[in-house]
Amino acid sequence: MARYLLRRLAFLLVSLALASVVLFVLLRMLPGDPANALTSVGAGPEQIAAARHSIGSDRPLPEQFTHWIGQLARGDLGTSFVSSLPVGPEVSARLNVTIPLTLAAFVLAVLIAVPAGFLAAYKRRTWYGALLSGVSQLGIAIPVFWLGMILIAVFALNAGWLPAGGFPQDGWAEPAEAIRSLALPVVTIALVMGASLTRYVRSATLDVLGSDYLRTARALGASFGRAMWQHGLRNASVPVISILGIELASTLLGAVVVESVFALPGLGSMLATGIAQHDYPVIQGVLFVSTLAVLLIGFAADLIQRIIDPRLRGRLSGGAR
């Protein structure tokens, strides 16, 4: 297991290094000059040159990249061009909104998808099994921002039960208000994610229901529930875990849309502001943290798969892949 973990961690570090290079290069290829955010309209060449020098964008790209990598090695995400504030503490503050939003939506989506997907497969020949399958297919096609606006109109503007957007100024120091502010965004993400997960759970369950090992267990006298618990659950969970990792990472990266709809001060809104202002340190900091989170989620999902699936346990001891 130690050999596998070391090999997997090495792959994670190499992936993170390559992502850092791609992120840096692509960001510098985008049109626009970050110095424009620091100068007034109609600024002369000398003022623009001074602004470029103050933020270091006039230096050669290899020098800029080396400086950024050196900062990352020290745990420093840089300083914003626009606000002149450290990016790291601001990212940490925004994570207090993005992480609870993402995790709560993920847990709720799983609680919806697992029973709905199993029922849609087990009762596929009934009208309600077909209805669950159709509703999940429809949910995949609904844009998350459109669903968010519908929920705002129904539960915030018309019913007045929940706030339409925003987050308490004191953050989680006001837990009740913070939870109320995240309720609609969480439900919005969970319904869309849950529809997608329901399809995967249904597909995995159908594979198990038609498997030889389940029929053999039933023929040997095991009840359906016992056969599913002892043999079906583990086999069905292996492909679903991989999808769960992808969905969790996608939710984290797609938070910019939901946070914009509900005016939440999370990583998504910070990234959107940074892009509008060509604030390279902010964009790099948010995307680097997001990339690291995605890689860690993938690492965790891969490890859990190998722990659950007996066919993959040999890989934990460093066997052939």
Protein backbone atom coordinates (compact mmCIF):
# COMPACT_ATOMS: atom_id res chain seq x y z
CA MET A 1 0.00 0.00 0.00
CA ALA A 2 2.85 2.35 0.81
CA ARG A 3 4.32 1.91 -2.68
CA TYR A 4 1.00 2.62 -4.30
CA LEU A 5 0.43 5.73 -2.19
CA LEU A 6 3.90 7.07 -3.00
CA ARG A 7 3.38 6.43 -6.71
CA ARG A 8 -0.05 8.05 -6.64
CA LEU A 9 1.23 11.07 -4.69
CA ALA A 10 4.06 11.49 -7.18
CA PHE A 11 1.53 11.46 -10.01
CA LEU A 12 -0.55 14.07 -8.14
CA LEU A 13 2.47 16.37 -7.72
CA VAL A 14 3.45 16.03 -11.38
CA SER A 15 -0.12 16.76 -12.45
CA LEU A 16 -0.20 19.84 -10.21
CA ALA A 17 3.09 21.08 -11.65
CA LEU A 18 1.89 20.62 -15.24
CA ALA A 19 -1.40 22.34 -14.40
CA SER A 20 0.54 25.29 -12.96
CA VAL A 21 2.51 25.67 -16.18
CA VAL A 22 -0.62 25.45 -18.36
CA LEU A 23 -2.47 27.90 -16.13
CA PHE A 24 0.35 30.44 -16.25
CA VAL A 25 0.83 30.20 -20.01
CA LEU A 26 -2.86 30.30 -20.96
CA LEU A 27 -3.50 33.25 -18.67
CA ARG A 28 -0.77 35.28 -20.39
CA MET A 29 -2.22 34.41 -23.80
CA LEU A 30 -5.57 36.04 -23.02
CA PRO A 31 -6.20 39.48 -24.53
CA GLY A 32 -5.96 42.47 -22.24
CA ASP A 33 -3.32 44.16 -20.12
CA PRO A 34 -3.53 43.93 -16.31
CA ALA A 35 -1.96 47.38 -16.08
CA ASN A 36 -5.18 48.87 -17.50
CA ALA A 37 -6.95 48.11 -14.21
CA LEU A 38 -4.44 50.34 -12.40
CA THR A 39 -4.59 53.33 -14.70
CA SER A 40 -7.36 55.78 -15.51
CA VAL A 41 -9.00 56.15 -18.89
CA GLY A 42 -6.75 58.07 -21.27
CA ALA A 43 -3.54 57.26 -19.41
CA GLY A 44 -0.38 57.94 -21.36
CA PRO A 45 2.34 55.44 -22.31
CA GLU A 46 4.52 56.49 -19.38
CA GLN A 47 1.75 55.85 -16.86
CA ILE A 48 0.97 52.45 -18.38
CA ALA A 49 4.68 51.55 -18.38
CA ALA A 50 4.94 52.56 -14.71
CA ALA A 51 1.91 50.43 -13.86
CA ARG A 52 3.40 47.43 -15.68
CA HIS A 53 6.66 47.88 -13.83
CA SER A 54 4.92 48.10 -10.44
CA ILE A 55 3.14 44.77 -10.93
CA GLY A 56 6.03 43.10 -12.76
CA SER A 57 4.17 42.37 -16.00
CA ASP A 58 6.99 43.99 -17.98
CA ARG A 59 9.44 41.30 -16.91
CA PRO A 60 10.21 38.27 -19.15
CA LEU A 61 7.71 35.44 -18.82
CA PRO A 62 10.27 32.91 -17.49
CA GLU A 63 11.15 35.36 -14.72
CA GLN A 64 7.48 35.92 -13.89
CA PHE A 65 6.86 32.17 -13.80
CA THR A 66 9.87 31.52 -11.57
CA HIS A 67 8.69 34.24 -9.20
CA TRP A 68 5.18 32.72 -9.03
CA ILE A 69 6.46 29.17 -8.44
CA GLY A 70 8.75 30.49 -5.70
CA GLN A 71 5.75 32.09 -4.02
CA LEU A 72 3.76 28.85 -4.25
CA ALA A 73 6.63 26.92 -2.70
CA ARG A 74 6.39 29.26 0.31
CA GLY A 75 2.60 28.88 0.49
CA ASP A 76 2.08 32.40 -0.85
CA LEU A 77 -0.55 32.95 -3.57
CA GLY A 78 0.70 36.46 -4.31
CA THR A 79 -0.76 39.93 -3.93
CA SER A 80 -3.71 41.32 -5.85
CA PHE A 81 -2.83 43.89 -8.51
CA VAL A 82 -6.00 45.86 -7.82
CA SER A 83 -6.50 45.75 -4.05
CA SER A 84 -2.83 45.21 -3.07
CA LEU A 85 -4.04 42.62 -0.53
CA PRO A 86 -2.66 39.09 -0.14
CA VAL A 87 -4.60 36.59 -2.22
CA GLY A 88 -4.18 33.67 0.21
CA PRO A 89 -6.23 35.07 3.13
CA GLU A 90 -8.94 36.22 0.72
CA VAL A 91 -9.15 32.74 -0.82
CA SER A 92 -9.40 31.23 2.67
CA ALA A 93 -12.23 33.58 3.56
CA ARG A 94 -14.09 32.74 0.36
CA LEU A 95 -13.67 29.01 1.00
CA ASN A 96 -15.81 29.46 4.10
CA VAL A 97 -18.71 29.91 1.69
CA THR A 98 -17.73 27.67 -1.23
CA ILE A 99 -16.78 24.56 0.74
CA PRO A 100 -19.97 24.37 2.88
CA LEU A 101 -22.03 25.09 -0.24
CA THR A 102 -20.32 22.34 -2.23
CA LEU A 103 -20.29 19.69 0.51
CA ALA A 104 -23.87 20.29 1.62
CA ALA A 105 -25.12 20.12 -1.98
CA PHE A 106 -23.08 16.97 -2.57
CA VAL A 107 -24.45 15.17 0.51
CA LEU A 108 -28.03 16.15 -0.33
CA ALA A 109 -27.57 15.01 -3.94
CA VAL A 110 -26.30 11.61 -2.79
CA LEU A 111 -29.22 11.24 -0.36
CA ILE A 112 -31.57 11.91 -3.27
CA ALA A 113 -29.81 9.91 -5.96
CA VAL A 114 -29.03 6.62 -4.20
CA PRO A 115 -32.61 5.63 -3.25
CA ALA A 116 -34.08 7.20 -6.41
CA GLY A 117 -31.57 5.44 -8.68
CA PHE A 118 -32.06 2.08 -6.97
CA LEU A 119 -35.84 2.36 -7.10
CA ALA A 120 -35.75 3.44 -10.76
CA ALA A 121 -33.79 0.28 -11.58
CA TYR A 122 -35.55 -2.18 -9.29
CA LYS A 123 -39.03 -0.97 -10.30
CA ARG A 124 -38.15 -0.16 -13.90
CA ARG A 125 -41.20 -2.01 -15.23
CA THR A 126 -43.62 0.02 -13.11
CA TRP A 127 -45.00 3.46 -13.89
CA TYR A 128 -43.25 5.13 -10.97
CA GLY A 129 -39.92 3.53 -11.90
CA ALA A 130 -40.28 4.93 -15.39
CA LEU A 131 -41.34 8.28 -13.93
CA LEU A 132 -38.21 8.47 -11.76
CA SER A 133 -36.06 7.68 -14.77
CA GLY A 134 -37.78 10.33 -16.87
CA VAL A 135 -37.58 12.99 -14.17
CA SER A 136 -33.86 12.34 -13.70
CA GLN A 137 -33.32 12.63 -17.45
CA LEU A 138 -35.22 15.92 -17.46
CA GLY A 139 -33.19 17.19 -14.50
CA ILE A 140 -29.95 16.67 -16.39
CA ALA A 141 -31.19 18.96 -19.17
CA ILE A 142 -32.15 21.84 -16.82
CA PRO A 143 -29.47 24.58 -16.57
CA VAL A 144 -28.47 25.15 -12.97
CA PHE A 145 -28.79 28.95 -13.24
CA TRP A 146 -32.35 28.65 -14.60
CA LEU A 147 -33.37 26.34 -11.76
CA GLY A 148 -31.81 28.77 -9.29
CA MET A 149 -33.86 31.66 -10.64
CA ILE A 150 -37.05 29.56 -10.48
CA LEU A 151 -36.40 28.69 -6.83
CA ILE A 152 -35.69 32.35 -6.04
CA ALA A 153 -38.98 33.38 -7.64
CA VAL A 154 -41.00 30.71 -5.81
CA PHE A 155 -39.45 30.52 -2.34
CA ALA A 156 -37.87 33.96 -1.92
CA LEU A 157 -39.86 36.51 -3.91
CA ASN A 158 -43.34 34.95 -3.72
CA ALA A 159 -43.34 32.94 -0.49
CA GLY A 160 -40.69 34.99 1.33
CA TRP A 161 -39.44 31.93 3.21
CA LEU A 162 -35.76 32.28 2.32
CA PRO A 163 -33.46 35.12 1.20
CA ALA A 164 -33.00 35.59 -2.53
CA GLY A 165 -29.26 35.98 -2.21
CA GLY A 166 -26.35 37.37 -0.28
CA PHE A 167 -24.53 36.13 2.83
CA PRO A 168 -24.36 37.51 6.38
CA GLN A 169 -21.66 40.15 6.82
CA ASP A 170 -20.34 38.33 9.89
CA GLY A 171 -20.34 35.01 8.04
CA TRP A 172 -20.65 31.90 10.17
CA ALA A 173 -20.74 34.00 13.34
CA GLU A 174 -24.46 34.11 12.47
CA PRO A 175 -25.00 30.38 11.76
CA ALA A 176 -28.78 30.52 11.40
CA GLU A 177 -28.64 33.31 8.82
CA ALA A 178 -25.72 31.66 7.03
CA ILE A 179 -27.66 28.41 6.71
CA ARG A 180 -30.74 30.25 5.45
CA SER A 181 -28.59 32.05 2.86
CA LEU A 182 -27.16 28.76 1.58
CA ALA A 183 -30.44 26.82 1.59
CA LEU A 184 -31.61 27.72 -1.92
CA PRO A 185 -28.14 27.47 -3.54
CA VAL A 186 -27.63 24.06 -1.93
CA VAL A 187 -31.00 22.78 -3.15
CA THR A 188 -30.33 24.19 -6.63
CA ILE A 189 -27.05 22.34 -7.00
CA ALA A 190 -28.32 19.18 -5.29
CA LEU A 191 -31.32 18.80 -7.60
CA VAL A 192 -29.23 19.11 -10.77
CA MET A 193 -26.42 16.93 -9.43
CA GLY A 194 -28.90 14.45 -7.98
CA ALA A 195 -30.57 14.00 -11.36
CA SER A 196 -27.24 13.14 -12.95
CA LEU A 197 -26.21 10.81 -10.14
CA THR A 198 -29.59 9.05 -10.26
CA ARG A 199 -28.88 7.96 -13.82
CA TYR A 200 -25.49 6.51 -12.83
CA VAL A 201 -26.90 4.74 -9.77
CA ARG A 202 -29.70 3.30 -11.88
CA SER A 203 -27.23 2.02 -14.48
CA ALA A 204 -24.95 0.46 -11.84
CA THR A 205 -27.94 -1.16 -10.13
CA LEU A 206 -29.20 -2.62 -13.40
CA ASP A 207 -25.78 -4.21 -13.97
CA VAL A 208 -25.94 -5.81 -10.53
CA LEU A 209 -29.54 -7.00 -10.94
CA GLY A 210 -28.59 -8.80 -14.14
CA SER A 211 -25.34 -10.28 -12.80
CA ASP A 212 -24.57 -13.98 -12.43
CA TYR A 213 -23.26 -13.64 -8.87
CA LEU A 214 -26.56 -12.17 -7.67
CA ARG A 215 -28.56 -14.96 -9.30
CA THR A 216 -26.18 -17.53 -7.79
CA ALA A 217 -26.58 -16.02 -4.31
CA ARG A 218 -30.38 -16.12 -4.66
CA ALA A 219 -30.22 -19.73 -5.90
CA LEU A 220 -28.22 -20.67 -2.79
CA GLY A 221 -31.04 -19.41 -0.61
CA ALA A 222 -30.05 -15.82 0.17
CA SER A 223 -32.85 -13.29 0.26
CA PHE A 224 -32.81 -10.43 -2.23
CA GLY A 225 -31.87 -7.90 0.47
CA ARG A 226 -29.04 -10.04 1.82
CA ALA A 227 -27.69 -10.81 -1.64
CA MET A 228 -27.72 -7.13 -2.55
CA TRP A 229 -26.06 -6.14 0.73
CA GLN A 230 -23.33 -8.79 0.63
CA HIS A 231 -22.59 -8.89 -3.09
CA GLY A 232 -24.39 -6.16 -4.99
CA LEU A 233 -23.64 -3.07 -2.94
CA ARG A 234 -19.87 -3.29 -3.23
CA ASN A 235 -19.90 -4.00 -6.96
CA ALA A 236 -22.40 -1.26 -7.69
CA SER A 237 -20.52 1.30 -5.61
CA VAL A 238 -17.21 1.03 -7.48
CA PRO A 239 -18.27 2.84 -10.70
CA VAL A 240 -20.51 5.21 -8.73
CA ILE A 241 -17.62 6.35 -6.52
CA SER A 242 -15.68 7.42 -9.60
CA ILE A 243 -18.68 9.43 -10.76
CA LEU A 244 -19.12 10.92 -7.29
CA GLY A 245 -15.57 12.24 -7.43
CA ILE A 246 -16.18 13.81 -10.83
CA GLU A 247 -19.47 15.35 -9.71
CA LEU A 248 -17.94 16.78 -6.53
CA ALA A 249 -15.07 18.31 -8.50
CA SER A 250 -17.47 19.68 -11.12
CA THR A 251 -19.62 21.25 -8.42
CA LEU A 252 -16.61 22.97 -6.89
CA LEU A 253 -15.49 24.32 -10.27
CA GLY A 254 -19.02 25.27 -11.30
CA ALA A 255 -19.70 27.24 -8.15
CA VAL A 256 -19.08 30.46 -10.09
CA VAL A 257 -22.50 30.13 -11.76
CA VAL A 258 -24.52 29.44 -8.63
CA GLU A 259 -22.64 32.02 -6.57
CA SER A 260 -23.33 34.62 -9.24
CA VAL A 261 -27.06 33.80 -9.27
CA PHE A 262 -27.33 34.03 -5.47
CA ALA A 263 -24.73 36.80 -4.97
CA LEU A 264 -22.61 34.65 -2.67
CA PRO A 265 -19.09 35.84 -1.74
CA GLY A 266 -17.36 32.58 -2.62
CA LEU A 267 -14.49 31.53 -4.87
CA GLY A 268 -16.69 31.79 -7.94
CA SER A 269 -17.47 35.48 -7.52
CA MET A 270 -13.82 36.16 -6.63
CA LEU A 271 -12.73 34.48 -9.86
CA ALA A 272 -15.27 36.39 -11.93
CA THR A 273 -14.09 39.70 -10.47
CA GLY A 274 -10.46 38.79 -11.04
CA ILE A 275 -11.11 37.93 -14.69
CA ALA A 276 -12.99 41.19 -15.27
CA GLN A 277 -10.08 43.17 -13.80
CA HIS A 278 -7.29 41.07 -15.37
CA ASP A 279 -5.98 40.53 -11.85
CA TYR A 280 -3.51 37.71 -12.55
CA PRO A 281 -2.62 36.83 -8.92
CA VAL A 282 -6.31 36.49 -8.02
CA ILE A 283 -7.08 34.33 -11.06
CA GLN A 284 -3.99 32.20 -10.55
CA GLY A 285 -4.68 31.78 -6.83
CA VAL A 286 -8.31 30.72 -7.25
CA LEU A 287 -7.59 28.35 -10.14
CA PHE A 288 -4.57 26.84 -8.41
CA VAL A 289 -6.56 26.10 -5.25
CA SER A 290 -9.43 24.72 -7.35
CA THR A 291 -7.05 22.51 -9.34
CA LEU A 292 -5.45 21.22 -6.15
CA ALA A 293 -8.89 20.40 -4.74
CA VAL A 294 -9.89 18.54 -7.91
CA LEU A 295 -6.69 16.48 -7.88
CA LEU A 296 -7.14 15.63 -4.20
CA ILE A 297 -10.75 14.56 -4.83
CA GLY A 298 -9.60 12.33 -7.67
CA PHE A 299 -6.88 10.86 -5.47
CA ALA A 300 -9.39 10.09 -2.69
CA ALA A 301 -11.90 8.54 -5.12
CA ASP A 302 -9.18 6.37 -6.67
CA LEU A 303 -8.02 5.17 -3.26
CA ILE A 304 -11.55 4.39 -2.04
CA GLN A 305 -12.24 2.39 -5.21
CA ARG A 306 -9.23 0.20 -4.58
CA ILE A 307 -10.15 -0.36 -0.96
CA ILE A 308 -13.71 -1.41 -1.83
CA ASP A 309 -13.07 -3.52 -4.94
CA PRO A 310 -11.25 -6.82 -4.16
CA ARG A 311 -10.06 -7.00 -7.76
CA LEU A 312 -8.05 -3.82 -7.27
CA ARG A 313 -6.57 -4.53 -3.85
CA GLY A 314 -3.44 -5.96 -5.39
CA ARG A 315 -2.67 -2.50 -6.70
CA LEU A 316 -2.50 -1.14 -3.15
CA SER A 317 0.55 -3.33 -2.55
CA GLY A 318 2.27 -1.97 -5.63
CA GLY A 319 1.17 -4.64 -8.10
CA ALA A 320 0.82 -4.12 -11.82
CA ARG A 321 -1.76 -1.62 -12.84
